[in-house]
C-alpha cells in the first residue's frame, strides 16, 4: 500500500518483543514508526511508544489499534503518538495523515 506511493518501507516483526523494535531504530534512521497491536497487547502500546519517543524523539509515531476505548486512545496519545487510528481503516483515511 505505502510502497506503491514511493515511500521506502522497512517492516519489523517484533513478535511481542519491543527490544527488536528499539534495536532496529538504532541501526537505521527512520522518520516514521507505525505501531499496531497485531504483535502487542493494545495495553502495551503506550509503553512502547514512550520508549520510542524517549530514545528517538524526532521519529513521528502513528498508532493503529483495533481495541478502541477513550482511555486507551488518551494513553496512546499522551505517550507521544502523533496520530491514532482505529482498525479497520480505509486507505484514503491513512493517506490523509
C-alpha atoms as a PDB file:
ATOM      1  CA  UNK A   1       0.000   0.000   0.000  1.00  0.00           C
ATOM      2  CA  UNK A   2       2.538   2.657   1.038  1.00  0.00           C
ATOM      3  CA  UNK A   3       5.289   1.128  -1.055  1.00  0.00           C
ATOM      4  CA  UNK A   4       3.216   1.963  -4.130  1.00  0.00           C
ATOM      5  CA  UNK A   5       3.478   5.660  -3.239  1.00  0.00           C
ATOM      6  CA  UNK A   6       7.267   5.703  -3.428  1.00  0.00           C
ATOM      7  CA  UNK A   7       7.778   5.557   0.335  1.00  0.00           C
ATOM      8  CA  UNK A   8      10.692   3.348   1.404  1.00  0.00           C
ATOM      9  CA  UNK A   9       9.357   0.818   3.887  1.00  0.00           C
ATOM     10  CA  UNK A  10      11.038  -1.369   6.462  1.00  0.00           C
ATOM     11  CA  UNK A  11       8.866  -3.924   8.213  1.00  0.00           C
ATOM     12  CA  UNK A  12       9.930  -5.130  11.634  1.00  0.00           C
ATOM     13  CA  UNK A  13       8.289  -8.251  13.038  1.00  0.00           C
ATOM     14  CA  UNK A  14       8.712  -7.757  16.788  1.00  0.00           C
ATOM     15  CA  UNK A  15       6.991 -10.948  17.938  1.00  0.00           C
ATOM     16  CA  UNK A  16       5.897  -9.202  21.138  1.00  0.00           C
ATOM     17  CA  UNK A  17       9.451  -8.016  21.889  1.00  0.00           C
ATOM     18  CA  UNK A  18       9.888  -4.248  21.980  1.00  0.00           C
ATOM     19  CA  UNK A  19      13.686  -4.632  22.085  1.00  0.00           C
ATOM     20  CA  UNK A  20      13.619  -5.819  18.472  1.00  0.00           C
ATOM     21  CA  UNK A  21      11.986  -2.525  17.503  1.00  0.00           C
ATOM     22  CA  UNK A  22      14.330  -0.375  19.597  1.00  0.00           C
ATOM     23  CA  UNK A  23      17.359  -2.210  18.181  1.00  0.00           C
ATOM     24  CA  UNK A  24      16.178  -1.637  14.600  1.00  0.00           C
ATOM     25  CA  UNK A  25      15.643   2.062  15.322  1.00  0.00           C
ATOM     26  CA  UNK A  26      19.256   2.311  16.493  1.00  0.00           C
ATOM     27  CA  UNK A  27      20.608   0.717  13.315  1.00  0.00           C
ATOM     28  CA  UNK A  28      18.822   2.896  10.745  1.00  0.00           C
ATOM     29  CA  UNK A  29      17.382   6.389  10.529  1.00  0.00           C
ATOM     30  CA  UNK A  30      13.596   6.414  10.395  1.00  0.00           C
ATOM     31  CA  UNK A  31      11.232   9.351  10.008  1.00  0.00           C
ATOM     32  CA  UNK A  32       8.087   7.472  10.976  1.00  0.00           C
ATOM     33  CA  UNK A  33       7.108   4.462  13.054  1.00  0.00           C
ATOM     34  CA  UNK A  34       3.724   2.845  12.563  1.00  0.00           C
ATOM     35  CA  UNK A  35       2.916   0.664  15.553  1.00  0.00           C
ATOM     36  CA  UNK A  36      -0.032  -1.684  15.749  1.00  0.00           C
ATOM     37  CA  UNK A  37      -1.441  -4.075  18.258  1.00  0.00           C
ATOM     38  CA  UNK A  38      -1.009  -7.015  15.864  1.00  0.00           C
ATOM     39  CA  UNK A  39       2.102  -8.148  17.774  1.00  0.00           C
ATOM     40  CA  UNK A  40       1.460  -6.438  21.098  1.00  0.00           C
ATOM     41  CA  UNK A  41      -1.328  -6.245  23.587  1.00  0.00           C
ATOM     42  CA  UNK A  42      -3.014  -2.891  22.944  1.00  0.00           C
ATOM     43  CA  UNK A  43      -2.278  -2.014  26.556  1.00  0.00           C
ATOM     44  CA  UNK A  44       1.491  -2.285  25.889  1.00  0.00           C
ATOM     45  CA  UNK A  45       1.406   0.236  23.035  1.00  0.00           C
ATOM     46  CA  UNK A  46       1.693   3.324  25.286  1.00  0.00           C
ATOM     47  CA  UNK A  47       4.843   1.903  26.907  1.00  0.00           C
ATOM     48  CA  UNK A  48       6.349   1.034  23.514  1.00  0.00           C
ATOM     49  CA  UNK A  49       5.569   4.481  22.099  1.00  0.00           C
ATOM     50  CA  UNK A  50       7.038   6.182  25.173  1.00  0.00           C
ATOM     51  CA  UNK A  51      10.222   4.157  24.747  1.00  0.00           C
ATOM     52  CA  UNK A  52      10.464   5.029  21.044  1.00  0.00           C
ATOM     53  CA  UNK A  53       9.901   8.739  21.706  1.00  0.00           C
ATOM     54  CA  UNK A  54      12.309   8.758  24.656  1.00  0.00           C
ATOM     55  CA  UNK A  55      15.181   7.300  22.644  1.00  0.00           C
ATOM     56  CA  UNK A  56      14.261   8.806  19.249  1.00  0.00           C
ATOM     57  CA  UNK A  57      12.226  11.970  19.842  1.00  0.00           C
ATOM     58  CA  UNK A  58      12.315  13.109  16.214  1.00  0.00           C
ATOM     59  CA  UNK A  59      10.525   9.963  14.967  1.00  0.00           C
ATOM     60  CA  UNK A  60       6.843  10.576  14.372  1.00  0.00           C
ATOM     61  CA  UNK A  61       4.573   7.767  15.562  1.00  0.00           C
ATOM     62  CA  UNK A  62       1.264   6.609  14.137  1.00  0.00           C
ATOM     63  CA  UNK A  63      -0.584   4.110  16.327  1.00  0.00           C
ATOM     64  CA  UNK A  64      -3.113   1.781  14.721  1.00  0.00           C
ATOM     65  CA  UNK A  65      -5.202  -0.201  17.168  1.00  0.00           C
ATOM     66  CA  UNK A  66      -8.199  -2.486  16.913  1.00  0.00           C
ATOM     67  CA  UNK A  67      -9.065  -2.030  20.567  1.00  0.00           C
ATOM     68  CA  UNK A  68     -10.533   1.417  20.851  1.00  0.00           C
ATOM     69  CA  UNK A  69     -11.595   2.914  24.130  1.00  0.00           C
ATOM     70  CA  UNK A  70     -11.309   6.590  25.020  1.00  0.00           C
ATOM     71  CA  UNK A  71      -8.959   5.695  27.890  1.00  0.00           C
ATOM     72  CA  UNK A  72      -6.565   3.703  25.708  1.00  0.00           C
ATOM     73  CA  UNK A  73      -6.652   6.342  22.968  1.00  0.00           C
ATOM     74  CA  UNK A  74      -5.788   9.024  25.548  1.00  0.00           C
ATOM     75  CA  UNK A  75      -2.890   6.943  26.934  1.00  0.00           C
ATOM     76  CA  UNK A  76      -1.512   6.288  23.463  1.00  0.00           C
ATOM     77  CA  UNK A  77      -1.688   9.958  22.514  1.00  0.00           C
ATOM     78  CA  UNK A  78      -0.184  11.024  25.870  1.00  0.00           C
ATOM     79  CA  UNK A  79       2.696   8.577  25.326  1.00  0.00           C
ATOM     80  CA  UNK A  80       3.779  10.546  22.255  1.00  0.00           C
ATOM     81  CA  UNK A  81       1.851   9.253  19.250  1.00  0.00           C
ATOM     82  CA  UNK A  82       1.075  11.993  16.768  1.00  0.00           C
ATOM     83  CA  UNK A  83      -1.850  10.100  15.234  1.00  0.00           C
ATOM     84  CA  UNK A  84      -4.184   7.370  16.496  1.00  0.00           C
ATOM     85  CA  UNK A  85      -6.203   5.337  14.004  1.00  0.00           C
ATOM     86  CA  UNK A  86      -8.858   2.709  14.650  1.00  0.00           C
ATOM     87  CA  UNK A  87      -8.789  -0.639  12.885  1.00  0.00           C
ATOM     88  CA  UNK A  88     -10.140  -1.343  10.387  1.00  0.00           C
ATOM     89  CA  UNK A  89      -9.384   1.811   8.444  1.00  0.00           C
ATOM     90  CA  UNK A  90      -9.641   2.904   4.850  1.00  0.00           C
ATOM     91  CA  UNK A  91      -6.530   3.704   2.839  1.00  0.00           C
ATOM     92  CA  UNK A  92      -7.881   7.161   1.968  1.00  0.00           C
ATOM     93  CA  UNK A  93      -8.040   7.955   5.705  1.00  0.00           C
ATOM     94  CA  UNK A  94      -4.477   6.728   6.186  1.00  0.00           C
ATOM     95  CA  UNK A  95      -3.085   8.620   3.219  1.00  0.00           C
ATOM     96  CA  UNK A  96      -4.573  11.871   4.538  1.00  0.00           C
ATOM     97  CA  UNK A  97      -2.408  11.607   7.671  1.00  0.00           C
END
